[in-house]
N, C-alpha and C. Protein backbone atom coordinates (compact mmCIF):
# COMPACT_ATOMS: atom_id res chain seq x y z
N UNK A 1 0.85 -1.20 0.00
CA UNK A 1 0.00 0.00 0.00
C UNK A 1 0.88 1.24 0.00
N UNK A 2 0.59 2.15 -0.87
CA UNK A 2 1.35 3.39 -0.98
C UNK A 2 0.98 4.33 0.17
N UNK A 3 1.97 4.96 0.75
CA UNK A 3 1.76 5.84 1.89
C UNK A 3 1.16 7.18 1.46
N UNK A 4 0.49 7.82 2.42
CA UNK A 4 -0.17 9.10 2.16
C UNK A 4 0.83 10.14 1.66
N UNK A 5 2.01 10.22 2.28
CA UNK A 5 3.02 11.21 1.89
C UNK A 5 3.47 11.00 0.45
N UNK A 6 3.62 9.73 0.07
CA UNK A 6 4.04 9.44 -1.29
C UNK A 6 2.95 9.79 -2.30
N UNK A 7 1.70 9.56 -1.94
CA UNK A 7 0.59 9.94 -2.82
C UNK A 7 0.56 11.45 -3.01
N UNK A 8 0.73 12.19 -1.94
CA UNK A 8 0.74 13.65 -2.02
C UNK A 8 1.91 14.10 -2.89
N UNK A 9 3.07 13.45 -2.75
CA UNK A 9 4.23 13.80 -3.55
C UNK A 9 3.95 13.58 -5.04
N UNK A 10 3.34 12.44 -5.39
CA UNK A 10 3.00 12.15 -6.78
C UNK A 10 2.01 13.18 -7.31
N UNK A 11 1.02 13.51 -6.50
CA UNK A 11 0.00 14.46 -6.93
C UNK A 11 0.60 15.84 -7.13
N UNK A 12 1.45 16.30 -6.23
CA UNK A 12 2.08 17.61 -6.37
C UNK A 12 2.97 17.65 -7.61
N UNK A 13 3.72 16.58 -7.84
CA UNK A 13 4.58 16.52 -9.01
C UNK A 13 3.75 16.63 -10.29
N UNK A 14 2.66 15.87 -10.34
CA UNK A 14 1.81 15.92 -11.52
C UNK A 14 1.18 17.29 -11.69
N UNK A 15 0.71 17.88 -10.62
CA UNK A 15 0.10 19.21 -10.69
C UNK A 15 1.09 20.26 -11.20
N UNK A 16 2.34 20.16 -10.77
CA UNK A 16 3.37 21.09 -11.23
C UNK A 16 3.62 20.94 -12.73
N UNK A 17 3.78 19.71 -13.17
CA UNK A 17 3.99 19.45 -14.60
C UNK A 17 2.79 19.92 -15.40
N UNK A 18 1.59 19.64 -14.90
CA UNK A 18 0.37 20.04 -15.59
C UNK A 18 0.29 21.56 -15.71
N UNK A 19 0.64 22.27 -14.66
CA UNK A 19 0.59 23.73 -14.67
C UNK A 19 1.57 24.29 -15.70
N UNK A 20 2.79 23.79 -15.70
CA UNK A 20 3.81 24.28 -16.63
C UNK A 20 3.40 23.97 -18.07
N UNK A 21 2.89 22.77 -18.30
CA UNK A 21 2.44 22.39 -19.65
C UNK A 21 1.28 23.28 -20.09
N UNK A 22 0.36 23.57 -19.19
CA UNK A 22 -0.77 24.43 -19.51
C UNK A 22 -0.34 25.85 -19.86
N UNK A 23 0.61 26.38 -19.12
CA UNK A 23 1.15 27.72 -19.41
C UNK A 23 1.82 27.72 -20.79
N UNK A 24 2.60 26.68 -21.08
CA UNK A 24 3.29 26.63 -22.37
C UNK A 24 2.29 26.60 -23.53
N UNK A 25 1.17 25.91 -23.33
CA UNK A 25 0.14 25.84 -24.37
C UNK A 25 -0.48 27.21 -24.60
N UNK A 26 -0.76 27.93 -23.51
CA UNK A 26 -1.34 29.26 -23.63
C UNK A 26 -0.37 30.24 -24.28
N UNK A 27 0.91 30.13 -23.93
CA UNK A 27 1.92 30.99 -24.57
C UNK A 27 1.98 30.69 -26.06
N UNK A 28 1.92 29.42 -26.41
CA UNK A 28 1.93 29.05 -27.83
C UNK A 28 0.72 29.64 -28.56
N UNK A 29 -0.46 29.47 -27.97
CA UNK A 29 -1.68 29.92 -28.64
C UNK A 29 -1.85 31.43 -28.68
N UNK A 30 -1.55 32.09 -27.56
CA UNK A 30 -1.89 33.51 -27.44
C UNK A 30 -0.73 34.48 -27.58
N UNK A 31 0.49 33.97 -27.65
CA UNK A 31 1.64 34.86 -27.87
C UNK A 31 2.39 34.46 -29.15
N UNK A 32 2.85 33.21 -29.20
CA UNK A 32 3.67 32.79 -30.34
C UNK A 32 2.90 32.78 -31.66
N UNK A 33 1.69 32.23 -31.64
CA UNK A 33 0.90 32.18 -32.89
C UNK A 33 0.57 33.59 -33.40
N UNK A 34 0.10 34.50 -32.56
CA UNK A 34 -0.12 35.86 -33.06
C UNK A 34 1.16 36.53 -33.58
N UNK A 35 2.30 36.26 -32.91
CA UNK A 35 3.56 36.82 -33.41
C UNK A 35 3.88 36.28 -34.80
N UNK A 36 3.61 35.02 -35.01
CA UNK A 36 3.88 34.41 -36.32
C UNK A 36 3.01 35.03 -37.40
N UNK A 37 1.74 35.16 -37.12
CA UNK A 37 0.81 35.57 -38.17
C UNK A 37 0.60 37.07 -38.29
N UNK A 38 0.89 37.83 -37.25
CA UNK A 38 0.70 39.29 -37.35
C UNK A 38 2.01 40.03 -37.58
N UNK A 39 3.11 39.50 -37.08
CA UNK A 39 4.40 40.19 -37.18
C UNK A 39 5.41 39.41 -38.01
N UNK A 40 4.96 38.33 -38.63
CA UNK A 40 5.81 37.51 -39.47
C UNK A 40 7.07 37.03 -38.72
N UNK A 41 6.84 36.48 -37.52
CA UNK A 41 7.92 35.93 -36.70
C UNK A 41 7.69 34.43 -36.47
N UNK A 42 7.94 33.60 -37.46
CA UNK A 42 7.67 32.18 -37.31
C UNK A 42 8.57 31.49 -36.28
N UNK A 43 9.70 32.10 -35.97
CA UNK A 43 10.61 31.49 -34.99
C UNK A 43 9.95 31.38 -33.62
N UNK A 44 9.03 32.27 -33.29
CA UNK A 44 8.33 32.20 -32.00
C UNK A 44 7.58 30.88 -31.87
N UNK A 45 6.90 30.48 -32.93
CA UNK A 45 6.16 29.22 -32.88
C UNK A 45 7.13 28.04 -32.87
N UNK A 46 8.23 28.16 -33.60
CA UNK A 46 9.22 27.08 -33.62
C UNK A 46 9.76 26.82 -32.22
N UNK A 47 10.18 27.85 -31.55
CA UNK A 47 10.79 27.70 -30.22
C UNK A 47 9.74 27.30 -29.19
N UNK A 48 8.67 28.07 -29.09
CA UNK A 48 7.63 27.78 -28.09
C UNK A 48 6.95 26.46 -28.40
N UNK A 49 6.75 26.17 -29.68
CA UNK A 49 6.14 24.90 -30.06
C UNK A 49 6.99 23.70 -29.64
N UNK A 50 8.29 23.83 -29.80
CA UNK A 50 9.19 22.75 -29.40
C UNK A 50 9.14 22.56 -27.89
N UNK A 51 9.19 23.66 -27.16
CA UNK A 51 9.14 23.59 -25.69
C UNK A 51 7.82 22.98 -25.24
N UNK A 52 6.72 23.46 -25.82
CA UNK A 52 5.41 22.92 -25.45
C UNK A 52 5.32 21.43 -25.79
N UNK A 53 5.83 21.05 -26.94
CA UNK A 53 5.81 19.63 -27.33
C UNK A 53 6.55 18.75 -26.34
N UNK A 54 7.71 19.22 -25.89
CA UNK A 54 8.48 18.45 -24.90
C UNK A 54 7.72 18.36 -23.58
N UNK A 55 7.13 19.48 -23.15
CA UNK A 55 6.36 19.47 -21.91
C UNK A 55 5.11 18.60 -22.02
N UNK A 56 4.48 18.59 -23.18
CA UNK A 56 3.31 17.75 -23.40
C UNK A 56 3.70 16.27 -23.30
N UNK A 57 4.84 15.91 -23.87
CA UNK A 57 5.31 14.52 -23.79
C UNK A 57 5.59 14.12 -22.34
N UNK A 58 6.16 15.04 -21.58
CA UNK A 58 6.41 14.77 -20.16
C UNK A 58 5.08 14.57 -19.43
N UNK A 59 4.10 15.41 -19.74
CA UNK A 59 2.77 15.29 -19.14
C UNK A 59 2.19 13.90 -19.42
N UNK A 60 2.24 13.48 -20.68
CA UNK A 60 1.70 12.17 -21.05
C UNK A 60 2.49 11.05 -20.36
N UNK A 61 3.79 11.21 -20.29
CA UNK A 61 4.65 10.21 -19.66
C UNK A 61 4.35 10.08 -18.16
N UNK A 62 3.98 11.18 -17.52
CA UNK A 62 3.78 11.19 -16.06
C UNK A 62 2.35 10.84 -15.66
N UNK A 63 1.37 11.08 -16.52
CA UNK A 63 -0.02 10.87 -16.10
C UNK A 63 -0.31 9.40 -15.80
N UNK A 64 0.28 8.48 -16.55
CA UNK A 64 -0.04 7.07 -16.35
C UNK A 64 0.51 6.51 -15.03
N UNK A 65 1.77 6.74 -14.69
CA UNK A 65 2.20 6.27 -13.36
C UNK A 65 1.50 7.00 -12.21
N UNK A 66 1.16 8.27 -12.42
CA UNK A 66 0.42 9.01 -11.39
C UNK A 66 -0.95 8.39 -11.19
N UNK A 67 -1.63 8.11 -12.29
CA UNK A 67 -2.96 7.48 -12.22
C UNK A 67 -2.88 6.13 -11.53
N UNK A 68 -1.83 5.38 -11.81
CA UNK A 68 -1.66 4.07 -11.18
C UNK A 68 -1.41 4.21 -9.68
N UNK A 69 -0.48 5.09 -9.31
CA UNK A 69 -0.13 5.26 -7.89
C UNK A 69 -1.31 5.79 -7.07
N UNK A 70 -2.10 6.68 -7.69
CA UNK A 70 -3.21 7.29 -6.96
C UNK A 70 -4.53 6.56 -7.16
N UNK A 71 -4.47 5.45 -7.90
CA UNK A 71 -5.64 4.60 -8.15
C UNK A 71 -6.79 5.37 -8.80
N UNK A 72 -6.44 6.19 -9.82
CA UNK A 72 -7.47 6.87 -10.58
C UNK A 72 -8.18 5.86 -11.45
N UNK A 73 -9.48 6.03 -11.63
CA UNK A 73 -10.22 5.15 -12.54
C UNK A 73 -9.99 5.62 -13.98
N UNK A 74 -10.50 4.84 -14.92
CA UNK A 74 -10.31 5.15 -16.34
C UNK A 74 -10.85 6.53 -16.68
N UNK A 75 -12.01 6.86 -16.16
CA UNK A 75 -12.65 8.15 -16.49
C UNK A 75 -11.79 9.33 -16.07
N UNK A 76 -11.24 9.27 -14.88
CA UNK A 76 -10.42 10.39 -14.39
C UNK A 76 -9.13 10.50 -15.20
N UNK A 77 -8.51 9.38 -15.51
CA UNK A 77 -7.30 9.39 -16.32
C UNK A 77 -7.60 9.93 -17.72
N UNK A 78 -8.70 9.47 -18.30
CA UNK A 78 -9.09 9.93 -19.63
C UNK A 78 -9.39 11.43 -19.62
N UNK A 79 -10.05 11.90 -18.57
CA UNK A 79 -10.33 13.33 -18.43
C UNK A 79 -9.02 14.12 -18.37
N UNK A 80 -8.04 13.61 -17.64
CA UNK A 80 -6.74 14.27 -17.58
C UNK A 80 -6.07 14.34 -18.94
N UNK A 81 -6.24 13.29 -19.74
CA UNK A 81 -5.68 13.30 -21.09
C UNK A 81 -6.40 14.29 -21.99
N UNK A 82 -7.72 14.31 -21.91
CA UNK A 82 -8.50 15.25 -22.73
C UNK A 82 -8.19 16.69 -22.33
N UNK A 83 -8.11 16.94 -21.04
CA UNK A 83 -7.82 18.31 -20.58
C UNK A 83 -6.45 18.80 -21.04
N UNK A 84 -5.53 17.88 -21.30
CA UNK A 84 -4.20 18.29 -21.72
C UNK A 84 -4.18 18.87 -23.13
N UNK A 85 -5.21 18.63 -23.92
CA UNK A 85 -5.22 19.14 -25.29
C UNK A 85 -6.18 20.32 -25.47
N UNK A 86 -6.80 20.76 -24.40
CA UNK A 86 -7.72 21.89 -24.45
C UNK A 86 -7.08 23.13 -23.80
N UNK A 87 -7.25 24.30 -24.42
CA UNK A 87 -6.76 25.50 -23.75
C UNK A 87 -7.46 25.64 -22.39
N UNK A 88 -6.72 25.94 -21.39
CA UNK A 88 -7.19 26.09 -20.01
C UNK A 88 -7.60 24.75 -19.38
N UNK A 89 -7.56 23.66 -20.12
CA UNK A 89 -7.94 22.35 -19.61
C UNK A 89 -7.13 21.90 -18.41
N UNK A 90 -5.79 22.02 -18.45
CA UNK A 90 -5.01 21.59 -17.28
C UNK A 90 -5.38 22.34 -16.00
N UNK A 91 -5.80 23.59 -16.15
CA UNK A 91 -6.15 24.38 -14.97
C UNK A 91 -7.50 23.95 -14.40
N UNK A 92 -8.41 23.57 -15.28
CA UNK A 92 -9.71 23.05 -14.83
C UNK A 92 -9.52 21.70 -14.13
N UNK A 93 -8.72 20.84 -14.74
CA UNK A 93 -8.43 19.53 -14.13
C UNK A 93 -7.71 19.71 -12.80
N UNK A 94 -6.88 20.73 -12.71
CA UNK A 94 -6.13 20.98 -11.48
C UNK A 94 -7.04 21.32 -10.31
N UNK A 95 -8.19 21.94 -10.59
CA UNK A 95 -9.13 22.23 -9.50
C UNK A 95 -9.54 20.95 -8.78
N UNK A 96 -9.83 19.91 -9.57
CA UNK A 96 -10.19 18.62 -8.97
C UNK A 96 -9.02 18.02 -8.21
N UNK A 97 -7.82 18.16 -8.77
CA UNK A 97 -6.64 17.60 -8.11
C UNK A 97 -6.32 18.33 -6.81
N UNK A 98 -6.58 19.64 -6.80
CA UNK A 98 -6.35 20.41 -5.58
C UNK A 98 -7.27 19.93 -4.46
N UNK A 99 -8.52 19.64 -4.81
CA UNK A 99 -9.47 19.11 -3.82
C UNK A 99 -9.00 17.74 -3.33
N UNK A 100 -8.53 16.92 -4.26
CA UNK A 100 -8.04 15.59 -3.90
C UNK A 100 -6.83 15.69 -2.97
N UNK A 101 -5.93 16.62 -3.25
CA UNK A 101 -4.75 16.80 -2.41
C UNK A 101 -5.15 17.25 -1.01
N UNK A 102 -6.11 18.16 -0.94
CA UNK A 102 -6.59 18.65 0.36
C UNK A 102 -7.21 17.52 1.17
N UNK A 103 -8.00 16.67 0.50
CA UNK A 103 -8.61 15.52 1.19
C UNK A 103 -7.55 14.56 1.70
N UNK A 104 -6.52 14.32 0.90
CA UNK A 104 -5.44 13.42 1.32
C UNK A 104 -4.71 13.98 2.54
N UNK A 105 -4.47 15.27 2.52
CA UNK A 105 -3.73 15.89 3.62
C UNK A 105 -4.53 15.85 4.93
N UNK A 106 -5.86 15.89 4.82
CA UNK A 106 -6.70 15.88 6.02
C UNK A 106 -6.80 14.51 6.67
N UNK A 107 -6.56 13.45 5.90
CA UNK A 107 -6.71 12.10 6.45
C UNK A 107 -5.65 11.77 7.48
């Protein structure tokens, strides 16, 4: 059985990665893309897109062991995957994770 402290550690790690990945997606959509198309600066999308792609891969790589350690059901794991491809999705999913972390800490 996994200990409460370890569960909280896994959840915090995932929430941090999710937050950073979500920020990178917003920067790509709302800063780099407009720079590319309004100011003819395609390098912004190249750089930010590469960074976001790497962070997205880390997110995908981390969600499955996190789901396993925290005993998430299929629906919650699938929701986490869907939220990763939607603007603001990681932040919405994080609200649920914050509640889960609070509940774990209270036990």
